[in-house]
Amino acid sequence: MNDAHARLHRLLRAARGEDAAAPAAAPFGFATRVVARWRDGPSRMGDAPELLRLVRRVTVGAAIIAVLATGGAYWQFEEQSDLGEAYSDVYAFADTAIETGLGE
């Protein structure tokens, strides 16, 4: 820990000692080159292929999630209906017992 602390202080002292001033303006013709490249870019569509790829991936992901959610909802519905059928006989038996006075 102490060695790392000493190295950090040495690095910070070295960084503080550097007084080279950065140029205030861009090199001559830089703006012209940027505008020329912007106008004559490698493709007229710009970032459209990357954007289309992103939209395609998001769409596929959303479709997968929708299919999984639909499958889960269907499974839950089937599970619920199976439970209802199992208890329907018990309820019918209880109703019959109440109506006939089986407990008296």
PDB file of N, CA and C in Angstrom:
ATOM      1  N   MET A   1       0.830  -1.189   0.000  1.00  0.00           N
ATOM      2  CA  MET A   1       0.000   0.000   0.000  1.00  0.00           C
ATOM      3  C   MET A   1       0.868   1.245   0.000  1.00  0.00           C
ATOM      4  N   ASN A   2       1.935   1.248   0.800  1.00  0.00           N
ATOM      5  CA  ASN A   2       2.804   2.405   0.903  1.00  0.00           C
ATOM      6  C   ASN A   2       3.529   2.643  -0.415  1.00  0.00           C
ATOM      7  N   ASP A   3       3.965   1.555  -1.062  1.00  0.00           N
ATOM      8  CA  ASP A   3       4.650   1.684  -2.345  1.00  0.00           C
ATOM      9  C   ASP A   3       3.708   2.266  -3.400  1.00  0.00           C
ATOM     10  N   ALA A   4       2.477   1.802  -3.419  1.00  0.00           N
ATOM     11  CA  ALA A   4       1.505   2.335  -4.379  1.00  0.00           C
ATOM     12  C   ALA A   4       1.220   3.802  -4.091  1.00  0.00           C
ATOM     13  N   HIS A   5       1.170   4.157  -2.812  1.00  0.00           N
ATOM     14  CA  HIS A   5       0.928   5.546  -2.422  1.00  0.00           C
ATOM     15  C   HIS A   5       2.083   6.441  -2.882  1.00  0.00           C
ATOM     16  N   ALA A   6       3.302   5.967  -2.706  1.00  0.00           N
ATOM     17  CA  ALA A   6       4.477   6.741  -3.131  1.00  0.00           C
ATOM     18  C   ALA A   6       4.509   6.884  -4.647  1.00  0.00           C
ATOM     19  N   ARG A   7       4.177   5.825  -5.367  1.00  0.00           N
ATOM     20  CA  ARG A   7       4.175   5.904  -6.836  1.00  0.00           C
ATOM     21  C   ARG A   7       3.106   6.872  -7.318  1.00  0.00           C
ATOM     22  N   LEU A   8       1.961   6.888  -6.644  1.00  0.00           N
ATOM     23  CA  LEU A   8       0.898   7.815  -7.028  1.00  0.00           C
ATOM     24  C   LEU A   8       1.341   9.255  -6.829  1.00  0.00           C
ATOM     25  N   HIS A   9       1.972   9.539  -5.700  1.00  0.00           N
ATOM     26  CA  HIS A   9       2.455  10.904  -5.454  1.00  0.00           C
ATOM     27  C   HIS A   9       3.523  11.303  -6.464  1.00  0.00           C
ATOM     28  N   ARG A  10       4.403  10.380  -6.824  1.00  0.00           N
ATOM     29  CA  ARG A  10       5.430  10.678  -7.826  1.00  0.00           C
ATOM     30  C   ARG A  10       4.781  10.975  -9.174  1.00  0.00           C
ATOM     31  N   LEU A  11       3.769  10.207  -9.524  1.00  0.00           N
ATOM     32  CA  LEU A  11       3.062  10.434 -10.785  1.00  0.00           C
ATOM     33  C   LEU A  11       2.359  11.782 -10.787  1.00  0.00           C
ATOM     34  N   LEU A  12       1.720  12.124  -9.680  1.00  0.00           N
ATOM     35  CA  LEU A  12       1.028  13.414  -9.603  1.00  0.00           C
ATOM     36  C   LEU A  12       2.007  14.579  -9.650  1.00  0.00           C
ATOM     37  N   ARG A  13       3.181  14.442  -9.005  1.00  0.00           N
ATOM     38  CA  ARG A  13       4.200  15.494  -9.077  1.00  0.00           C
ATOM     39  C   ARG A  13       4.703  15.665 -10.499  1.00  0.00           C
ATOM     40  N   ALA A  14       4.895  14.553 -11.213  1.00  0.00           N
ATOM     41  CA  ALA A  14       5.367  14.633 -12.597  1.00  0.00           C
ATOM     42  C   ALA A  14       4.314  15.281 -13.488  1.00  0.00           C
ATOM     43  N   ALA A  15       3.065  14.976 -13.252  1.00  0.00           N
ATOM     44  CA  ALA A  15       1.999  15.567 -14.065  1.00  0.00           C
ATOM     45  C   ALA A  15       1.855  17.051 -13.776  1.00  0.00           C
ATOM     46  N   ARG A  16       2.049  17.446 -12.545  1.00  0.00           N
ATOM     47  CA  ARG A  16       1.938  18.850 -12.167  1.00  0.00           C
ATOM     48  C   ARG A  16       3.085  19.674 -12.753  1.00  0.00           C
ATOM     49  N   GLY A  17       4.236  19.070 -12.924  1.00  0.00           N
ATOM     50  CA  GLY A  17       5.405  19.794 -13.406  1.00  0.00           C
ATOM     51  C   GLY A  17       5.375  20.083 -14.893  1.00  0.00           C
ATOM     52  N   GLU A  18       4.545  19.446 -15.647  1.00  0.00           N
ATOM     53  CA  GLU A  18       4.484  19.641 -17.100  1.00  0.00           C
ATOM     54  C   GLU A  18       3.747  20.931 -17.402  1.00  0.00           C
ATOM     55  N   ASP A  19       4.420  21.870 -18.064  1.00  0.00           N
ATOM     56  CA  ASP A  19       3.811  23.157 -18.386  1.00  0.00           C
ATOM     57  C   ASP A  19       3.672  23.385 -19.887  1.00  0.00           C
ATOM     58  N   ALA A  20       3.668  22.345 -20.671  1.00  0.00           N
ATOM     59  CA  ALA A  20       3.543  22.526 -22.116  1.00  0.00           C
ATOM     60  C   ALA A  20       2.137  23.015 -22.419  1.00  0.00           C
ATOM     61  N   ALA A  21       2.052  24.174 -23.033  1.00  0.00           N
ATOM     62  CA  ALA A  21       0.749  24.761 -23.351  1.00  0.00           C
ATOM     63  C   ALA A  21       0.181  24.093 -24.597  1.00  0.00           C
ATOM     64  N   ALA A  22      -1.065  23.741 -24.521  1.00  0.00           N
ATOM     65  CA  ALA A  22      -1.735  23.138 -25.669  1.00  0.00           C
ATOM     66  C   ALA A  22      -2.054  24.233 -26.674  1.00  0.00           C
ATOM     67  N   PRO A  23      -1.974  23.913 -27.951  1.00  0.00           N
ATOM     68  CA  PRO A  23      -2.308  24.930 -28.953  1.00  0.00           C
ATOM     69  C   PRO A  23      -3.764  25.369 -28.806  1.00  0.00           C
ATOM     70  N   ALA A  24      -3.999  26.650 -28.940  1.00  0.00           N
ATOM     71  CA  ALA A  24      -5.329  27.205 -28.728  1.00  0.00           C
ATOM     72  C   ALA A  24      -6.240  26.998 -29.930  1.00  0.00           C
ATOM     73  N   ALA A  25      -5.678  26.882 -31.106  1.00  0.00           N
ATOM     74  CA  ALA A  25      -6.498  26.765 -32.315  1.00  0.00           C
ATOM     75  C   ALA A  25      -6.195  25.447 -33.018  1.00  0.00           C
ATOM     76  N   ALA A  26      -7.134  25.029 -33.829  1.00  0.00           N
ATOM     77  CA  ALA A  26      -6.945  23.821 -34.619  1.00  0.00           C
ATOM     78  C   ALA A  26      -5.921  24.099 -35.716  1.00  0.00           C
ATOM     79  N   PRO A  27      -5.266  23.058 -36.216  1.00  0.00           N
ATOM     80  CA  PRO A  27      -4.290  23.256 -37.295  1.00  0.00           C
ATOM     81  C   PRO A  27      -4.937  23.882 -38.530  1.00  0.00           C
ATOM     82  N   PHE A  28      -4.106  24.493 -39.352  1.00  0.00           N
ATOM     83  CA  PHE A  28      -4.581  25.172 -40.547  1.00  0.00           C
ATOM     84  C   PHE A  28      -5.293  24.177 -41.463  1.00  0.00           C
ATOM     85  N   GLY A  29      -6.498  24.510 -41.886  1.00  0.00           N
ATOM     86  CA  GLY A  29      -7.258  23.691 -42.823  1.00  0.00           C
ATOM     87  C   GLY A  29      -8.025  22.550 -42.185  1.00  0.00           C
ATOM     88  N   PHE A  30      -7.988  22.454 -40.889  1.00  0.00           N
ATOM     89  CA  PHE A  30      -8.663  21.346 -40.210  1.00  0.00           C
ATOM     90  C   PHE A  30     -10.174  21.398 -40.425  1.00  0.00           C
ATOM     91  N   ALA A  31     -10.754  22.569 -40.257  1.00  0.00           N
ATOM     92  CA  ALA A  31     -12.204  22.713 -40.433  1.00  0.00           C
ATOM     93  C   ALA A  31     -12.607  22.387 -41.865  1.00  0.00           C
ATOM     94  N   THR A  32     -11.784  22.798 -42.823  1.00  0.00           N
ATOM     95  CA  THR A  32     -12.089  22.511 -44.230  1.00  0.00           C
ATOM     96  C   THR A  32     -12.073  21.009 -44.483  1.00  0.00           C
ATOM     97  N   ARG A  33     -11.085  20.322 -43.926  1.00  0.00           N
ATOM     98  CA  ARG A  33     -11.012  18.866 -44.111  1.00  0.00           C
ATOM     99  C   ARG A  33     -12.200  18.161 -43.453  1.00  0.00           C
ATOM    100  N   VAL A  34     -12.617  18.638 -42.291  1.00  0.00           N
ATOM    101  CA  VAL A  34     -13.751  18.020 -41.604  1.00  0.00           C
ATOM    102  C   VAL A  34     -15.025  18.182 -42.420  1.00  0.00           C
ATOM    103  N   VAL A  35     -15.251  19.380 -42.934  1.00  0.00           N
ATOM    104  CA  VAL A  35     -16.453  19.629 -43.733  1.00  0.00           C
ATOM    105  C   VAL A  35     -16.410  18.824 -45.024  1.00  0.00           C
ATOM    106  N   ALA A  36     -15.235  18.724 -45.654  1.00  0.00           N
ATOM    107  CA  ALA A  36     -15.117  17.957 -46.897  1.00  0.00           C
ATOM    108  C   ALA A  36     -15.405  16.477 -46.647  1.00  0.00           C
ATOM    109  N   ARG A  37     -14.888  15.942 -45.570  1.00  0.00           N
ATOM    110  CA  ARG A  37     -15.170  14.534 -45.257  1.00  0.00           C
ATOM    111  C   ARG A  37     -16.634  14.326 -44.919  1.00  0.00           C
ATOM    112  N   TRP A  38     -17.223  15.296 -44.270  1.00  0.00           N
ATOM    113  CA  TRP A  38     -18.635  15.188 -43.928  1.00  0.00           C
ATOM    114  C   TRP A  38     -19.488  15.160 -45.187  1.00  0.00           C
ATOM    115  N   ARG A  39     -19.144  15.998 -46.151  1.00  0.00           N
ATOM    116  CA  ARG A  39     -19.919  16.038 -47.401  1.00  0.00           C
ATOM    117  C   ARG A  39     -19.685  14.813 -48.268  1.00  0.00           C
ATOM    118  N   ASP A  40     -18.450  14.332 -48.334  1.00  0.00           N
ATOM    119  CA  ASP A  40     -18.119  13.190 -49.196  1.00  0.00           C
ATOM    120  C   ASP A  40     -17.912  11.926 -48.381  1.00  0.00           C
ATOM    121  N   GLY A  41     -18.686  11.745 -47.361  1.00  0.00           N
ATOM    122  CA  GLY A  41     -18.529  10.609 -46.455  1.00  0.00           C
ATOM    123  C   GLY A  41     -18.501   9.288 -47.191  1.00  0.00           C
ATOM    124  N   PRO A  42     -18.079   8.210 -46.520  1.00  0.00           N
ATOM    125  CA  PRO A  42     -17.977   6.907 -47.172  1.00  0.00           C
ATOM    126  C   PRO A  42     -19.325   6.396 -47.677  1.00  0.00           C
ATOM    127  N   SER A  43     -20.377   6.796 -47.036  1.00  0.00           N
ATOM    128  CA  SER A  43     -21.698   6.418 -47.521  1.00  0.00           C
ATOM    129  C   SER A  43     -22.643   7.583 -47.295  1.00  0.00           C
ATOM    130  N   ARG A  44     -23.627   7.665 -48.116  1.00  0.00           N
ATOM    131  CA  ARG A  44     -24.582   8.762 -47.982  1.00  0.00           C
ATOM    132  C   ARG A  44     -25.531   8.525 -46.812  1.00  0.00           C
ATOM    133  N   MET A  45     -25.614   7.287 -46.366  1.00  0.00           N
ATOM    134  CA  MET A  45     -26.549   6.978 -45.293  1.00  0.00           C
ATOM    135  C   MET A  45     -25.979   7.323 -43.920  1.00  0.00           C
ATOM    136  N   GLY A  46     -24.708   7.571 -43.798  1.00  0.00           N
ATOM    137  CA  GLY A  46     -24.121   7.935 -42.516  1.00  0.00           C
ATOM    138  C   GLY A  46     -24.161   6.783 -41.533  1.00  0.00           C
ATOM    139  N   ASP A  47     -24.840   6.963 -40.427  1.00  0.00           N
ATOM    140  CA  ASP A  47     -24.924   5.942 -39.385  1.00  0.00           C
ATOM    141  C   ASP A  47     -26.153   5.054 -39.537  1.00  0.00           C
ATOM    142  N   ALA A  48     -26.818   5.125 -40.656  1.00  0.00           N
ATOM    143  CA  ALA A  48     -28.049   4.353 -40.839  1.00  0.00           C
ATOM    144  C   ALA A  48     -27.830   2.845 -40.732  1.00  0.00           C
ATOM    145  N   PRO A  49     -26.764   2.271 -41.311  1.00  0.00           N
ATOM    146  CA  PRO A  49     -26.599   0.813 -41.165  1.00  0.00           C
ATOM    147  C   PRO A  49     -26.466   0.376 -39.710  1.00  0.00           C
ATOM    148  N   GLU A  50     -25.723   1.145 -38.913  1.00  0.00           N
ATOM    149  CA  GLU A  50     -25.589   0.790 -37.505  1.00  0.00           C
ATOM    150  C   GLU A  50     -26.914   0.953 -36.772  1.00  0.00           C
ATOM    151  N   LEU A  51     -27.649   1.991 -37.121  1.00  0.00           N
ATOM    152  CA  LEU A  51     -28.948   2.209 -36.491  1.00  0.00           C
ATOM    153  C   LEU A  51     -29.925   1.096 -36.875  1.00  0.00           C
ATOM    154  N   LEU A  52     -29.899   0.694 -38.136  1.00  0.00           N
ATOM    155  CA  LEU A  52     -30.771  -0.400 -38.567  1.00  0.00           C
ATOM    156  C   LEU A  52     -30.415  -1.704 -37.864  1.00  0.00           C
ATOM    157  N   ARG A  53     -29.124  -1.940 -37.680  1.00  0.00           N
ATOM    158  CA  ARG A  53     -28.685  -3.138 -36.975  1.00  0.00           C
ATOM    159  C   ARG A  53     -29.180  -3.124 -35.526  1.00  0.00           C
ATOM    160  N   LEU A  54     -29.103  -1.957 -34.893  1.00  0.00           N
ATOM    161  CA  LEU A  54     -29.590  -1.824 -33.520  1.00  0.00           C
ATOM    162  C   LEU A  54     -31.096  -2.063 -33.447  1.00  0.00           C
ATOM    163  N   VAL A  55     -31.841  -1.464 -34.374  1.00  0.00           N
ATOM    164  CA  VAL A  55     -33.297  -1.641 -34.389  1.00  0.00           C
ATOM    165  C   VAL A  55     -33.647  -3.109 -34.618  1.00  0.00           C
ATOM    166  N   ARG A  56     -32.905  -3.767 -35.485  1.00  0.00           N
ATOM    167  CA  ARG A  56     -33.159  -5.183 -35.756  1.00  0.00           C
ATOM    168  C   ARG A  56     -32.921  -6.023 -34.500  1.00  0.00           C
ATOM    169  N   ARG A  57     -31.833  -5.747 -33.790  1.00  0.00           N
ATOM    170  CA  ARG A  57     -31.537  -6.502 -32.570  1.00  0.00           C
ATOM    171  C   ARG A  57     -32.594  -6.263 -31.496  1.00  0.00           C
ATOM    172  N   VAL A  58     -33.019  -5.017 -31.359  1.00  0.00           N
ATOM    173  CA  VAL A  58     -34.049  -4.702 -30.366  1.00  0.00           C
ATOM    174  C   VAL A  58     -35.356  -5.397 -30.729  1.00  0.00           C
ATOM    175  N   THR A  59     -35.694  -5.421 -32.011  1.00  0.00           N
ATOM    176  CA  THR A  59     -36.925  -6.073 -32.459  1.00  0.00           C
ATOM    177  C   THR A  59     -36.881  -7.571 -32.191  1.00  0.00           C
ATOM    178  N   VAL A  60     -35.756  -8.194 -32.481  1.00  0.00           N
ATOM    179  CA  VAL A  60     -35.631  -9.635 -32.232  1.00  0.00           C
ATOM    180  C   VAL A  60     -35.714  -9.917 -30.735  1.00  0.00           C
ATOM    181  N   GLY A  61     -35.067  -9.093 -29.937  1.00  0.00           N
ATOM    182  CA  GLY A  61     -35.143  -9.268 -28.485  1.00  0.00           C
ATOM    183  C   GLY A  61     -36.559  -9.111 -27.965  1.00  0.00           C
ATOM    184  N   ALA A  62     -37.269  -8.115 -28.479  1.00  0.00           N
ATOM    185  CA  ALA A  62     -38.655  -7.901 -28.055  1.00  0.00           C
ATOM    186  C   ALA A  62     -39.543  -9.068 -28.487  1.00  0.00           C
ATOM    187  N   ALA A  63     -39.297  -9.609 -29.674  1.00  0.00           N
ATOM    188  CA  ALA A  63     -40.091 -10.749 -30.139  1.00  0.00           C
ATOM    189  C   ALA A  63     -39.844 -11.974 -29.264  1.00  0.00           C
ATOM    190  N   ILE A  64     -38.592 -12.184 -28.879  1.00  0.00           N
ATOM    191  CA  ILE A  64     -38.278 -13.322 -28.005  1.00  0.00           C
ATOM    192  C   ILE A  64     -38.976 -13.162 -26.656  1.00  0.00           C
ATOM    193  N   ILE A  65     -38.931 -11.958 -26.113  1.00  0.00           N
ATOM    194  CA  ILE A  65     -39.591 -11.709 -24.828  1.00  0.00           C
ATOM    195  C   ILE A  65     -41.098 -11.899 -24.951  1.00  0.00           C
ATOM    196  N   ALA A  66     -41.687 -11.452 -26.066  1.00  0.00           N
ATOM    197  CA  ALA A  66     -43.130 -11.608 -26.263  1.00  0.00           C
ATOM    198  C   ALA A  66     -43.513 -13.082 -26.363  1.00  0.00           C
ATOM    199  N   VAL A  67     -42.700 -13.869 -27.066  1.00  0.00           N
ATOM    200  CA  VAL A  67     -42.991 -15.301 -27.188  1.00  0.00           C
ATOM    201  C   VAL A  67     -42.887 -15.982 -25.826  1.00  0.00           C
ATOM    202  N   LEU A  68     -41.851 -15.637 -25.061  1.00  0.00           N
ATOM    203  CA  LEU A  68     -41.707 -16.229 -23.731  1.00  0.00           C
ATOM    204  C   LEU A  68     -42.854 -15.822 -22.805  1.00  0.00           C
ATOM    205  N   ALA A  69     -43.265 -14.567 -22.879  1.00  0.00           N
ATOM    206  CA  ALA A  69     -44.373 -14.106 -22.038  1.00  0.00           C
ATOM    207  C   ALA A  69     -45.676 -14.790 -22.432  1.00  0.00           C
ATOM    208  N   THR A  70     -45.894 -14.964 -23.728  1.00  0.00           N
ATOM    209  CA  THR A  70     -47.102 -15.651 -24.186  1.00  0.00           C
ATOM    210  C   THR A  70     -47.101 -17.102 -23.725  1.00  0.00           C
ATOM    211  N   GLY A  71     -45.951 -17.762 -23.847  1.00  0.00           N
ATOM    212  CA  GLY A  71     -45.845 -19.145 -23.376  1.00  0.00           C
ATOM    213  C   GLY A  71     -46.073 -19.252 -21.880  1.00  0.00           C
ATOM    214  N   GLY A  72     -45.524 -18.314 -21.122  1.00  0.00           N
ATOM    215  CA  GLY A  72     -45.729 -18.320 -19.674  1.00  0.00           C
ATOM    216  C   GLY A  72     -47.178 -18.084 -19.299  1.00  0.00           C
ATOM    217  N   ALA A  73     -47.830 -17.165 -19.996  1.00  0.00           N
ATOM    218  CA  ALA A  73     -49.243 -16.896 -19.715  1.00  0.00           C
ATOM    219  C   ALA A  73     -50.105 -18.109 -20.064  1.00  0.00           C
ATOM    220  N   TYR A  74     -49.793 -18.760 -21.188  1.00  0.00           N
ATOM    221  CA  TYR A  74     -50.546 -19.951 -21.580  1.00  0.00           C
ATOM    222  C   TYR A  74     -50.354 -21.065 -20.558  1.00  0.00           C
ATOM    223  N   TRP A  75     -49.113 -21.265 -20.127  1.00  0.00           N
ATOM    224  CA  TRP A  75     -48.823 -22.295 -19.132  1.00  0.00           C
ATOM    225  C   TRP A  75     -49.562 -21.998 -17.828  1.00  0.00           C
ATOM    226  N   GLN A  76     -49.556 -20.745 -17.421  1.00  0.00           N
ATOM    227  CA  GLN A  76     -50.241 -20.367 -16.181  1.00  0.00           C
ATOM    228  C   GLN A  76     -51.751 -20.578 -16.311  1.00  0.00           C
ATOM    229  N   PHE A  77     -52.306 -20.248 -17.477  1.00  0.00           N
ATOM    230  CA  PHE A  77     -53.739 -20.450 -17.701  1.00  0.00           C
ATOM    231  C   PHE A  77     -54.092 -21.932 -17.637  1.00  0.00           C
ATOM    232  N   GLU A  78     -53.265 -22.770 -18.268  1.00  0.00           N
ATOM    233  CA  GLU A  78     -53.515 -24.213 -18.235  1.00  0.00           C
ATOM    234  C   GLU A  78     -53.384 -24.752 -16.813  1.00  0.00           C
ATOM    235  N   GLU A  79     -52.411 -24.260 -16.075  1.00  0.00           N
ATOM    236  CA  GLU A  79     -52.221 -24.684 -14.686  1.00  0.00           C
ATOM    237  C   GLU A  79     -53.430 -24.293 -13.843  1.00  0.00           C
ATOM    238  N   GLN A  80     -53.933 -23.106 -14.067  1.00  0.00           N
ATOM    239  CA  GLN A  80     -55.092 -22.619 -13.316  1.00  0.00           C
ATOM    240  C   GLN A  80     -56.332 -23.445 -13.645  1.00  0.00           C
ATOM    241  N   SER A  81     -56.529 -23.775 -14.912  1.00  0.00           N
ATOM    242  CA  SER A  81     -57.718 -24.548 -15.274  1.00  0.00           C
ATOM    243  C   SER A  81     -57.622 -25.976 -14.746  1.00  0.00           C
ATOM    244  N   ASP A  82     -56.415 -26.550 -14.685  1.00  0.00           N
ATOM    245  CA  ASP A  82     -56.253 -27.883 -14.104  1.00  0.00           C
ATOM    246  C   ASP A  82     -56.585 -27.865 -12.618  1.00  0.00           C
ATOM    247  N   LEU A  83     -56.186 -26.827 -11.922  1.00  0.00           N
ATOM    248  CA  LEU A  83     -56.504 -26.716 -10.499  1.00  0.00           C
ATOM    249  C   LEU A  83     -58.003 -26.569 -10.290  1.00  0.00           C
ATOM    250  N   GLY A  84     -58.657 -25.815 -11.155  1.00  0.00           N
ATOM    251  CA  GLY A  84     -60.100 -25.629 -11.032  1.00  0.00           C
ATOM    252  C   GLY A  84     -60.852 -26.930 -11.209  1.00  0.00           C
ATOM    253  N   GLU A  85     -60.405 -27.767 -12.142  1.00  0.00           N
ATOM    254  CA  GLU A  85     -61.066 -29.048 -12.353  1.00  0.00           C
ATOM    255  C   GLU A  85     -60.858 -29.976 -11.161  1.00  0.00           C
ATOM    256  N   ALA A  86     -59.709 -29.932 -10.547  1.00  0.00           N
ATOM    257  CA  ALA A  86     -59.435 -30.817  -9.414  1.00  0.00           C
ATOM    258  C   ALA A  86     -60.295 -30.442  -8.212  1.00  0.00           C
ATOM    259  N   TYR A  87     -60.502 -29.167  -7.992  1.00  0.00           N
ATOM    260  CA  TYR A  87     -61.278 -28.737  -6.834  1.00  0.00           C
ATOM    261  C   TYR A  87     -62.781 -28.696  -7.107  1.00  0.00           C
ATOM    262  N   SER A  88     -63.192 -28.778  -8.352  1.00  0.00           N
ATOM    263  CA  SER A  88     -64.624 -28.705  -8.643  1.00  0.00           C
ATOM    264  C   SER A  88     -65.370 -29.900  -8.045  1.00  0.00           C
ATOM    265  N   ASP A  89     -64.751 -31.071  -8.034  1.00  0.00           N
ATOM    266  CA  ASP A  89     -65.391 -32.241  -7.428  1.00  0.00           C
ATOM    267  C   ASP A  89     -65.510 -32.078  -5.921  1.00  0.00           C
ATOM    268  N   VAL A  90     -64.521 -31.504  -5.296  1.00  0.00           N
ATOM    269  CA  VAL A  90     -64.546 -31.298  -3.850  1.00  0.00           C
ATOM    270  C   VAL A  90     -65.655 -30.322  -3.489  1.00  0.00           C
ATOM    271  N   TYR A  91     -65.768 -29.250  -4.277  1.00  0.00           N
ATOM    272  CA  TYR A  91     -66.822 -28.271  -4.010  1.00  0.00           C
ATOM    273  C   TYR A  91     -68.205 -28.883  -4.227  1.00  0.00           C
ATOM    274  N   ALA A  92     -68.341 -29.690  -5.261  1.00  0.00           N
ATOM    275  CA  ALA A  92     -69.629 -30.344  -5.509  1.00  0.00           C
ATOM    276  C   ALA A  92     -69.981 -31.280  -4.356  1.00  0.00           C
ATOM    277  N   PHE A  93     -68.997 -31.995  -3.853  1.00  0.00           N
ATOM    278  CA  PHE A  93     -69.233 -32.892  -2.718  1.00  0.00           C
ATOM    279  C   PHE A  93     -69.643 -32.108  -1.477  1.00  0.00           C
ATOM    280  N   ALA A  94     -68.974 -30.985  -1.233  1.00  0.00           N
ATOM    281  CA  ALA A  94     -69.311 -30.162  -0.065  1.00  0.00           C
ATOM    282  C   ALA A  94     -70.708 -29.576  -0.209  1.00  0.00           C
ATOM    283  N   ASP A  95     -71.062 -29.113  -1.406  1.00  0.00           N
ATOM    284  CA  ASP A  95     -72.407 -28.569  -1.620  1.00  0.00           C
ATOM    285  C   ASP A  95     -73.475 -29.636  -1.391  1.00  0.00           C
ATOM    286  N   THR A  96     -73.231 -30.821  -1.880  1.00  0.00           N
ATOM    287  CA  THR A  96     -74.186 -31.908  -1.696  1.00  0.00           C
ATOM    288  C   THR A  96     -74.330 -32.256  -0.218  1.00  0.00           C
ATOM    289  N   ALA A  97     -73.217 -32.270   0.488  1.00  0.00           N
ATOM    290  CA  ALA A  97     -73.254 -32.590   1.922  1.00  0.00           C
ATOM    291  C   ALA A  97     -74.019 -31.535   2.690  1.00  0.00           C
ATOM    292  N   ILE A  98     -73.871 -30.289   2.312  1.00  0.00           N
ATOM    293  CA  ILE A  98     -74.584 -29.214   2.999  1.00  0.00           C
ATOM    294  C   ILE A  98     -76.078 -29.295   2.713  1.00  0.00           C
ATOM    295  N   GLU A  99     -76.422 -29.555   1.451  1.00  0.00           N
ATOM    296  CA  GLU A  99     -77.834 -29.610   1.068  1.00  0.00           C
ATOM    297  C   GLU A  99     -78.558 -30.786   1.725  1.00  0.00           C
ATOM    298  N   THR A 100     -77.932 -31.911   1.801  1.00  0.00           N
ATOM    299  CA  THR A 100     -78.607 -33.097   2.344  1.00  0.00           C
ATOM    300  C   THR A 100     -78.533 -33.184   3.853  1.00  0.00           C
ATOM    301  N   GLY A 101     -77.749 -32.334   4.446  1.00  0.00           N
ATOM    302  CA  GLY A 101     -77.631 -32.372   5.898  1.00  0.00           C
ATOM    303  C   GLY A 101     -76.872 -33.589   6.367  1.00  0.00           C
ATOM    304  N   LEU A 102     -75.811 -33.930   5.691  1.00  0.00           N
ATOM    305  CA  LEU A 102     -75.031 -35.119   5.993  1.00  0.00           C
ATOM    306  C   LEU A 102     -74.431 -35.055   7.389  1.00  0.00           C
ATOM    307  N   GLY A 103     -74.123 -33.877   7.862  1.00  0.00           N
ATOM    308  CA  GLY A 103     -73.486 -33.749   9.166  1.00  0.00           C
ATOM    309  C   GLY A 103     -74.456 -33.870  10.322  1.00  0.00           C
ATOM    310  N   GLU A 104     -75.772 -33.920  10.127  1.00  0.00           N
ATOM    311  CA  GLU A 104     -76.755 -33.943  11.227  1.00  0.00           C
ATOM    312  C   GLU A 104     -76.982 -35.298  11.775  1.00  0.00           C
TER     313      GLU A 104
END
